[in-house]
C-alpha atoms as a PDB file:
ATOM      1  CA  MET A   1       8.184   8.240  16.540  1.00  0.00           C
ATOM      2  CA  LYS A   2       7.535   5.272  15.600  1.00  0.00           C
ATOM      3  CA  LYS A   3       7.006   4.759  11.193  1.00  0.00           C
ATOM      4  CA  ILE A   4       4.190   2.910   9.049  1.00  0.00           C
ATOM      5  CA  LEU A   5       4.398   2.164   5.247  1.00  0.00           C
ATOM      6  CA  ILE A   6       1.230   1.629   3.930  1.00  0.00           C
ATOM      7  CA  THR A   7       0.662   0.802  -0.054  1.00  0.00           C
ATOM      8  CA  GLY A   8      -2.143   1.500  -1.477  1.00  0.00           C
ATOM      9  CA  ALA A   9      -2.578   4.494   0.745  1.00  0.00           C
ATOM     10  CA  ALA A  10      -4.521   7.073  -1.209  1.00  0.00           C
ATOM     11  CA  ASN A  11      -8.076   5.395  -0.786  1.00  0.00           C
ATOM     12  CA  GLY A  12     -10.386   2.920   1.012  1.00  0.00           C
ATOM     13  CA  ILE A  13      -9.090   1.173   3.580  1.00  0.00           C
ATOM     14  CA  GLY A  14      -5.144   2.424   3.180  1.00  0.00           C
ATOM     15  CA  ARG A  15      -6.668   5.877   3.423  1.00  0.00           C
ATOM     16  CA  ALA A  16      -8.416   5.571   6.275  1.00  0.00           C
ATOM     17  CA  THR A  17      -5.577   3.294   8.127  1.00  0.00           C
ATOM     18  CA  ALA A  18      -3.350   6.067   7.240  1.00  0.00           C
ATOM     19  CA  ILE A  19      -5.299   8.437   9.378  1.00  0.00           C
ATOM     20  CA  ALA A  20      -5.872   6.263  12.122  1.00  0.00           C
ATOM     21  CA  CYS A  21      -2.506   5.186  11.956  1.00  0.00           C
ATOM     22  CA  VAL A  22      -1.409   9.466  12.366  1.00  0.00           C
ATOM     23  CA  GLU A  23      -4.140   9.566  15.091  1.00  0.00           C
ATOM     24  CA  ALA A  24      -2.455   6.909  17.055  1.00  0.00           C
ATOM     25  CA  GLY A  25       0.842   8.210  17.173  1.00  0.00           C
ATOM     26  CA  TYR A  26       2.910   6.986  14.072  1.00  0.00           C
ATOM     27  CA  ASN A  27       4.195   8.508  11.774  1.00  0.00           C
ATOM     28  CA  VAL A  28       2.864   7.418   7.575  1.00  0.00           C
ATOM     29  CA  ILE A  29       4.605   6.495   4.603  1.00  0.00           C
ATOM     30  CA  ALA A  30       2.035   6.597   2.023  1.00  0.00           C
ATOM     31  CA  ALA A  31       2.347   4.739  -1.135  1.00  0.00           C
ATOM     32  CA  ASP A  32       0.081   4.532  -4.022  1.00  0.00           C
ATOM     33  CA  LYS A  33      -0.137   5.317  -7.683  1.00  0.00           C
ATOM     34  CA  ASP A  34      -3.263   7.532  -7.146  1.00  0.00           C
ATOM     35  CA  LYS A  35      -1.702  10.734  -7.275  1.00  0.00           C
ATOM     36  CA  GLN A  36      -4.788  12.595  -6.713  1.00  0.00           C
ATOM     37  CA  GLY A  37      -5.457  10.608  -3.744  1.00  0.00           C
ATOM     38  CA  LEU A  38      -2.281  10.867  -2.435  1.00  0.00           C
ATOM     39  CA  ARG A  39      -2.717  14.520  -2.302  1.00  0.00           C
ATOM     40  CA  ASP A  40      -6.309  14.612  -0.662  1.00  0.00           C
ATOM     41  CA  LEU A  41      -4.271  12.962   2.005  1.00  0.00           C
ATOM     42  CA  GLN A  42      -1.728  15.478   2.116  1.00  0.00           C
ATOM     43  CA  ASN A  43      -4.091  18.348   2.629  1.00  0.00           C
ATOM     44  CA  ILE A  44      -5.787  16.406   5.717  1.00  0.00           C
ATOM     45  CA  LEU A  45      -2.782  15.222   7.396  1.00  0.00           C
ATOM     46  CA  PRO A  46      -0.040  17.154   9.112  1.00  0.00           C
ATOM     47  CA  SER A  47       2.864  17.096   6.730  1.00  0.00           C
ATOM     48  CA  HIS A  48       5.631  16.183   9.160  1.00  0.00           C
ATOM     49  CA  ARG A  49       3.476  13.336   9.953  1.00  0.00           C
ATOM     50  CA  LEU A  50       3.142  11.877   6.216  1.00  0.00           C
ATOM     51  CA  GLU A  51       5.495  11.322   3.656  1.00  0.00           C
ATOM     52  CA  ALA A  52       4.048  10.456  -0.005  1.00  0.00           C
ATOM     53  CA  TYR A  53       5.279   8.782  -2.453  1.00  0.00           C
ATOM     54  CA  PHE A  54       3.893   7.768  -5.838  1.00  0.00           C
ATOM     55  CA  ALA A  55       4.499   4.351  -6.605  1.00  0.00           C
ATOM     56  CA  ASP A  56       2.982   1.775  -8.943  1.00  0.00           C
ATOM     57  CA  PHE A  57       3.501  -1.618  -7.802  1.00  0.00           C
ATOM     58  CA  SER A  58       2.541  -3.574 -10.552  1.00  0.00           C
ATOM     59  CA  LYS A  59       6.137  -2.897 -11.960  1.00  0.00           C
ATOM     60  CA  PRO A  60       8.768  -4.456 -10.851  1.00  0.00           C
ATOM     61  CA  ASP A  61      11.483  -1.796 -10.883  1.00  0.00           C
ATOM     62  CA  THR A  62       9.019  -0.556  -8.122  1.00  0.00           C
ATOM     63  CA  TYR A  63       8.502  -3.658  -6.143  1.00  0.00           C
ATOM     64  CA  GLN A  64      11.450  -5.216  -5.766  1.00  0.00           C
ATOM     65  CA  SER A  65      13.665  -1.836  -4.712  1.00  0.00           C
ATOM     66  CA  PHE A  66      10.414   0.777  -3.146  1.00  0.00           C
ATOM     67  CA  ILE A  67      11.664  -0.618   0.359  1.00  0.00           C
ATOM     68  CA  SER A  68      15.966  -0.890   0.089  1.00  0.00           C
ATOM     69  CA  ASP A  69      15.629   2.800  -1.744  1.00  0.00           C
ATOM     70  CA  LEU A  70      13.949   3.858   1.343  1.00  0.00           C
ATOM     71  CA  TYR A  71      16.583   2.871   3.393  1.00  0.00           C
ATOM     72  CA  GLN A  72      18.790   3.654   1.313  1.00  0.00           C
ATOM     73  CA  HIS A  73      17.949   7.301   1.297  1.00  0.00           C
ATOM     74  CA  ASP A  74      17.723   7.749   5.160  1.00  0.00           C
ATOM     75  CA  ASP A  75      20.473   5.465   6.601  1.00  0.00           C
ATOM     76  CA  ARG A  76      18.021   6.115  10.537  1.00  0.00           C
ATOM     77  CA  LEU A  77      15.086   4.997   9.162  1.00  0.00           C
ATOM     78  CA  ALA A  78      13.698   2.373  11.523  1.00  0.00           C
ATOM     79  CA  LEU A  79       9.910   0.955  10.333  1.00  0.00           C
ATOM     80  CA  GLN A  80       7.403  -0.682  12.807  1.00  0.00           C
ATOM     81  CA  GLY A  81       5.616  -1.799  10.344  1.00  0.00           C
ATOM     82  CA  LEU A  82       4.205  -2.213   6.913  1.00  0.00           C
ATOM     83  CA  VAL A  83       0.931  -2.960   5.894  1.00  0.00           C
ATOM     84  CA  ASN A  84       0.486  -4.610   2.611  1.00  0.00           C
ATOM     85  CA  ASN A  85      -3.408  -3.635   1.027  1.00  0.00           C
ATOM     86  CA  ALA A  86      -2.104  -2.348  -2.676  1.00  0.00           C
ATOM     87  CA  GLY A  87      -4.797  -4.273  -4.522  1.00  0.00           C
ATOM     88  CA  LEU A  88      -6.567  -4.915  -7.937  1.00  0.00           C
ATOM     89  CA  TYR A  89     -10.103  -6.151  -8.657  1.00  0.00           C
ATOM     90  CA  HIS A  90     -11.924  -6.621 -11.865  1.00  0.00           C
ATOM     91  CA  GLY A  91     -14.412  -8.926 -10.876  1.00  0.00           C
ATOM     92  CA  LYS A  92     -14.758 -10.491 -14.293  1.00  0.00           C
ATOM     93  CA  SER A  93     -14.820 -13.994 -15.332  1.00  0.00           C
ATOM     94  CA  VAL A  94     -11.681 -15.685 -15.843  1.00  0.00           C
ATOM     95  CA  PHE A  95     -12.357 -15.866 -19.643  1.00  0.00           C
ATOM     96  CA  GLU A  96     -12.141 -12.255 -20.101  1.00  0.00           C
ATOM     97  CA  TYR A  97      -8.540 -11.598 -18.684  1.00  0.00           C
ATOM     98  CA  SER A  98      -6.157 -10.319 -21.299  1.00  0.00           C
ATOM     99  CA  ASP A  99      -2.793 -12.026 -20.512  1.00  0.00           C
ATOM    100  CA  GLU A 100      -1.738  -8.263 -19.545  1.00  0.00           C
ATOM    101  CA  GLU A 101      -4.708  -8.118 -17.068  1.00  0.00           C
ATOM    102  CA  MET A 102      -3.661 -11.436 -15.129  1.00  0.00           C
ATOM    103  CA  GLU A 103      -0.310 -10.854 -14.967  1.00  0.00           C
ATOM    104  CA  GLU A 104      -0.636  -7.117 -13.654  1.00  0.00           C
ATOM    105  CA  MET A 105      -3.293  -8.393 -11.329  1.00  0.00           C
ATOM    106  CA  TRP A 106      -0.395 -11.367 -10.013  1.00  0.00           C
ATOM    107  CA  ALA A 107       1.798  -8.507  -9.380  1.00  0.00           C
ATOM    108  CA  VAL A 108      -0.233  -5.769  -7.454  1.00  0.00           C
ATOM    109  CA  ASN A 109      -2.266  -8.813  -5.306  1.00  0.00           C
ATOM    110  CA  LEU A 110       0.384 -11.257  -4.410  1.00  0.00           C
ATOM    111  CA  LYS A 111       4.548 -10.579  -6.111  1.00  0.00           C
ATOM    112  CA  SER A 112       4.702  -7.417  -4.962  1.00  0.00           C
ATOM    113  CA  LEU A 113       3.894  -8.745  -1.148  1.00  0.00           C
ATOM    114  CA  ILE A 114       6.539 -11.013  -1.551  1.00  0.00           C
ATOM    115  CA  PHE A 115       9.514  -8.704  -2.391  1.00  0.00           C
ATOM    116  CA  LEU A 116       8.156  -5.903  -0.184  1.00  0.00           C
ATOM    117  CA  SER A 117       7.627  -8.327   2.613  1.00  0.00           C
ATOM    118  CA  ARG A 118      10.517  -9.893   2.098  1.00  0.00           C
ATOM    119  CA  ASP A 119      12.828  -6.346   1.899  1.00  0.00           C
ATOM    120  CA  PHE A 120      11.273  -5.165   5.269  1.00  0.00           C
ATOM    121  CA  ALA A 121      12.106  -8.232   7.051  1.00  0.00           C
ATOM    122  CA  ARG A 122      16.148  -8.242   5.784  1.00  0.00           C
ATOM    123  CA  HIS A 123      15.730  -4.741   7.053  1.00  0.00           C
ATOM    124  CA  GLU A 124      13.905  -4.961  10.167  1.00  0.00           C
ATOM    125  CA  LEU A 125      15.023  -8.899  11.519  1.00  0.00           C
ATOM    126  CA  GLN A 126      17.213  -7.449  13.733  1.00  0.00           C
ATOM    127  CA  ALA A 127      15.448  -4.644  15.238  1.00  0.00           C
ATOM    128  CA  PRO A 128      15.203  -4.328  18.729  1.00  0.00           C
ATOM    129  CA  HIS A 129      11.647  -4.377  19.026  1.00  0.00           C
ATOM    130  CA  ALA A 130       9.077  -6.468  17.440  1.00  0.00           C
ATOM    131  CA  ARG A 131       7.935  -5.453  14.158  1.00  0.00           C
ATOM    132  CA  SER A 132       4.567  -6.451  12.477  1.00  0.00           C
ATOM    133  CA  ILE A 133       3.193  -6.883   8.746  1.00  0.00           C
ATOM    134  CA  VAL A 134      -0.408  -7.003   8.211  1.00  0.00           C
ATOM    135  CA  ASN A 135      -1.593  -8.096   4.745  1.00  0.00           C
ATOM    136  CA  ILE A 136      -4.784  -7.326   3.323  1.00  0.00           C
ATOM    137  CA  THR A 137      -6.691 -10.134   2.508  1.00  0.00           C
ATOM    138  CA  SER A 138     -10.195 -10.804   1.378  1.00  0.00           C
ATOM    139  CA  VAL A 139     -13.116 -13.197   1.913  1.00  0.00           C
ATOM    140  CA  ALA A 140     -12.910 -14.624  -1.365  1.00  0.00           C
ATOM    141  CA  GLY A 141      -9.061 -15.658  -0.446  1.00  0.00           C
ATOM    142  CA  GLU A 142     -11.100 -18.217   1.806  1.00  0.00           C
ATOM    143  CA  VAL A 143     -14.767 -18.746   0.214  1.00  0.00           C
ATOM    144  CA  GLY A 144     -13.956 -18.349  -3.360  1.00  0.00           C
ATOM    145  CA  SER A 145     -14.759 -15.589  -5.974  1.00  0.00           C
ATOM    146  CA  MET A 146     -16.475 -15.302  -9.065  1.00  0.00           C
ATOM    147  CA  ASP A 147     -13.291 -13.036  -9.910  1.00  0.00           C
ATOM    148  CA  ALA A 148     -10.777 -16.802  -9.920  1.00  0.00           C
ATOM    149  CA  LEU A 149      -7.770 -14.353 -10.866  1.00  0.00           C
ATOM    150  CA  TYR A 150      -8.386 -11.955  -7.849  1.00  0.00           C
ATOM    151  CA  GLY A 151      -9.676 -14.951  -5.520  1.00  0.00           C
ATOM    152  CA  ALA A 152      -6.417 -16.732  -5.994  1.00  0.00           C
ATOM    153  CA  THR A 153      -4.398 -13.775  -5.523  1.00  0.00           C
ATOM    154  CA  LYS A 154      -6.035 -13.355  -2.076  1.00  0.00           C
ATOM    155  CA  ALA A 155      -5.133 -17.044  -1.057  1.00  0.00           C
ATOM    156  CA  GLY A 156      -1.873 -17.050  -2.102  1.00  0.00           C
ATOM    157  CA  VAL A 157      -1.755 -13.694   0.469  1.00  0.00           C
ATOM    158  CA  ILE A 158      -3.117 -16.171   3.639  1.00  0.00           C
ATOM    159  CA  GLY A 159      -0.487 -18.722   2.371  1.00  0.00           C
ATOM    160  CA  LEU A 160       2.014 -16.016   2.217  1.00  0.00           C
ATOM    161  CA  THR A 161       0.929 -14.920   5.539  1.00  0.00           C
ATOM    162  CA  LYS A 162       1.430 -17.996   7.243  1.00  0.00           C
ATOM    163  CA  ALA A 163       4.635 -18.869   5.460  1.00  0.00           C
ATOM    164  CA  ASN A 164       6.314 -15.636   6.665  1.00  0.00           C
ATOM    165  CA  ALA A 165       4.732 -15.969  10.414  1.00  0.00           C
ATOM    166  CA  TRP A 166       7.253 -18.818  10.377  1.00  0.00           C
ATOM    167  CA  ASN A 167      10.143 -16.781   7.741  1.00  0.00           C
ATOM    168  CA  PHE A 168      10.394 -13.786   9.997  1.00  0.00           C
ATOM    169  CA  ALA A 169       9.849 -14.754  13.904  1.00  0.00           C
ATOM    170  CA  PRO A 170      10.394 -14.371  16.919  1.00  0.00           C
ATOM    171  CA  ARG A 171      11.093 -10.522  15.914  1.00  0.00           C
ATOM    172  CA  ILE A 172       8.415  -9.760  13.367  1.00  0.00           C
ATOM    173  CA  ARG A 173       4.711 -11.212  13.289  1.00  0.00           C
ATOM    174  CA  VAL A 174       2.824 -11.271  10.406  1.00  0.00           C
ATOM    175  CA  ASN A 175      -0.993 -11.306  10.112  1.00  0.00           C
ATOM    176  CA  ALA A 176      -3.436 -10.597   7.400  1.00  0.00           C
ATOM    177  CA  VAL A 177      -6.904  -9.081   7.706  1.00  0.00           C
ATOM    178  CA  SER A 178      -9.761 -10.933   5.798  1.00  0.00           C
ATOM    179  CA  PRO A 179     -12.374  -8.280   4.565  1.00  0.00           C
ATOM    180  CA  ALA A 180     -16.154  -9.541   3.245  1.00  0.00           C
ATOM    181  CA  LEU A 181     -18.377  -6.075   1.462  1.00  0.00           C
ATOM    182  CA  ILE A 182     -16.612  -3.083   2.233  1.00  0.00           C
ATOM    183  CA  ARG A 183     -18.669   0.642   2.052  1.00  0.00           C
ATOM    184  CA  ASN A 184     -17.502   3.145   0.262  1.00  0.00           C
ATOM    185  CA  THR A 185     -14.127   1.508  -1.782  1.00  0.00           C
ATOM    186  CA  SER A 186     -13.237   1.135  -5.380  1.00  0.00           C
ATOM    187  CA  ILE A 187     -13.626  -2.460  -4.716  1.00  0.00           C
ATOM    188  CA  HIS A 188     -17.594  -2.414  -3.771  1.00  0.00           C
ATOM    189  CA  GLU A 189     -18.789  -0.648  -7.044  1.00  0.00           C
ATOM    190  CA  ARG A 190     -17.108  -3.534  -8.796  1.00  0.00           C
ATOM    191  CA  ILE A 191     -18.502  -5.994  -7.314  1.00  0.00           C
ATOM    192  CA  PRO A 192     -21.566  -7.840  -9.401  1.00  0.00           C
ATOM    193  CA  GLU A 193     -24.974  -6.287  -7.700  1.00  0.00           C
ATOM    194  CA  HIS A 194     -26.440 -10.731  -7.185  1.00  0.00           C
ATOM    195  CA  ARG A 195     -22.844 -10.993  -5.294  1.00  0.00           C
ATOM    196  CA  ARG A 196     -22.959  -7.748  -3.093  1.00  0.00           C
ATOM    197  CA  LYS A 197     -26.908  -9.231  -2.487  1.00  0.00           C
ATOM    198  CA  GLU A 198     -25.233 -12.349  -1.622  1.00  0.00           C
ATOM    199  CA  TYR A 199     -22.661 -10.873   1.002  1.00  0.00           C
ATOM    200  CA  GLU A 200     -25.323  -8.118   2.719  1.00  0.00           C
ATOM    201  CA  ARG A 201     -27.284 -11.618   3.127  1.00  0.00           C
ATOM    202  CA  GLN A 202     -25.124 -13.844   4.874  1.00  0.00           C
ATOM    203  CA  GLU A 203     -24.033 -11.062   7.557  1.00  0.00           C
ATOM    204  CA  VAL A 204     -25.215 -11.280  10.798  1.00  0.00           C
ATOM    205  CA  LEU A 205     -24.454  -7.742  11.917  1.00  0.00           C
ATOM    206  CA  ASN A 206     -26.588  -5.489  10.948  1.00  0.00           C
ATOM    207  CA  THR A 207     -24.274  -2.198  10.504  1.00  0.00           C
ATOM    208  CA  PRO A 208     -22.702  -1.718   7.289  1.00  0.00           C
ATOM    209  CA  ILE A 209     -18.878  -2.015   7.297  1.00  0.00           C
ATOM    210  CA  GLN A 210     -16.926   0.705   6.132  1.00  0.00           C
ATOM    211  CA  PRO A 211     -13.630   1.092   5.828  1.00  0.00           C
ATOM    212  CA  GLU A 212     -13.047   2.716   8.586  1.00  0.00           C
ATOM    213  CA  GLY A 213     -13.721  -0.288  11.208  1.00  0.00           C
ATOM    214  CA  VAL A 214     -11.003  -2.324   8.857  1.00  0.00           C
ATOM    215  CA  ALA A 215      -8.637   0.620   9.944  1.00  0.00           C
ATOM    216  CA  ASP A 216      -9.087  -0.923  13.637  1.00  0.00           C
ATOM    217  CA  VAL A 217      -8.719  -3.959  13.157  1.00  0.00           C
ATOM    218  CA  ILE A 218      -5.173  -3.244  11.332  1.00  0.00           C
ATOM    219  CA  LEU A 219      -4.276  -0.840  14.104  1.00  0.00           C
ATOM    220  CA  PHE A 220      -4.684  -3.602  16.426  1.00  0.00           C
ATOM    221  CA  LEU A 221      -2.332  -5.900  14.535  1.00  0.00           C
ATOM    222  CA  LEU A 222       0.395  -3.359  14.480  1.00  0.00           C
ATOM    223  CA  SER A 223      -0.009  -2.666  17.825  1.00  0.00           C
ATOM    224  CA  GLU A 224       0.949  -4.747  20.914  1.00  0.00           C
ATOM    225  CA  GLN A 225      -1.925  -5.292  22.337  1.00  0.00           C
ATOM    226  CA  SER A 226      -1.488  -8.189  19.457  1.00  0.00           C
ATOM    227  CA  ARG A 227       1.641  -9.035  20.612  1.00  0.00           C
ATOM    228  CA  HIS A 228       0.820 -13.047  20.702  1.00  0.00           C
ATOM    229  CA  LEU A 229      -0.496 -12.638  17.013  1.00  0.00           C
ATOM    230  CA  THR A 230       1.223 -13.902  14.246  1.00  0.00           C
ATOM    231  CA  GLY A 231       0.209 -16.403  11.289  1.00  0.00           C
ATOM    232  CA  LYS A 232      -3.335 -15.242  11.814  1.00  0.00           C
ATOM    233  CA  VAL A 233      -6.455 -14.683   9.005  1.00  0.00           C
ATOM    234  CA  ILE A 234      -8.766 -12.215  11.095  1.00  0.00           C
ATOM    235  CA  PRO A 235     -12.026 -12.126   9.244  1.00  0.00           C
ATOM    236  CA  VAL A 236     -13.381  -8.344   8.980  1.00  0.00           C
ATOM    237  CA  ASP A 237     -17.286  -9.858   7.761  1.00  0.00           C
ATOM    238  CA  ASN A 238     -19.889  -9.158   9.714  1.00  0.00           C
ATOM    239  CA  GLY A 239     -19.970 -12.939  10.588  1.00  0.00           C
ATOM    240  CA  ALA A 240     -20.860 -13.565   6.771  1.00  0.00           C
ATOM    241  CA  TYR A 241     -19.312 -17.309   5.879  1.00  0.00           C
ATOM    242  CA  PRO A 242     -18.535 -18.419   9.304  1.00  0.00           C
ATOM    243  CA  ARG A 243     -15.711 -20.289   8.697  1.00  0.00           C
END
């Protein structure tokens, strides 16, 4: 059975992706610091298809060892894919950030992806079949954000995606999904109202984007259907901000 690791799996896009992966026939390792969200996910998915792990990816001890620990505990483990979804958004000016908040943002949104992706590749680069990494960036990483720290980290995710597509080829494909205004997520409620209205004004399709719509694109990038794609950034934005 193919197995996928999803970080930030307890809510929003991560939760929708975990459900979509199980429905598509994958087994899922779900990692998140939200214990209640993980329990809720366990309540709706078959126990033999889901492994849930409490993990705070702002902590170096976590992101530097998480994947290696998985392989150490199961010497038969083979991961088909990694979805780097865990992320933070505060929706505030750079002048309002504390030093501690800045460090946490860098750790969760970018540094953890570097370590998780590298360790995934170390264990799966010689696998007999192709593997896939999907990074979750944001329109903020492409066109900017009033939250400069968030925008900067998400731009870094795009750079990491393109670099690792080269680093890990040809066995591991690396792509990114770039959502815009996604409803029913914790981030949505933190976006200042005037920014939400601007995103909505830019959209040329009128069906509000839900986490499940992003999960569909992630599932495509994990699958063999996207076997010719690597180093790509796929917008999920209802046509907003043409680029």
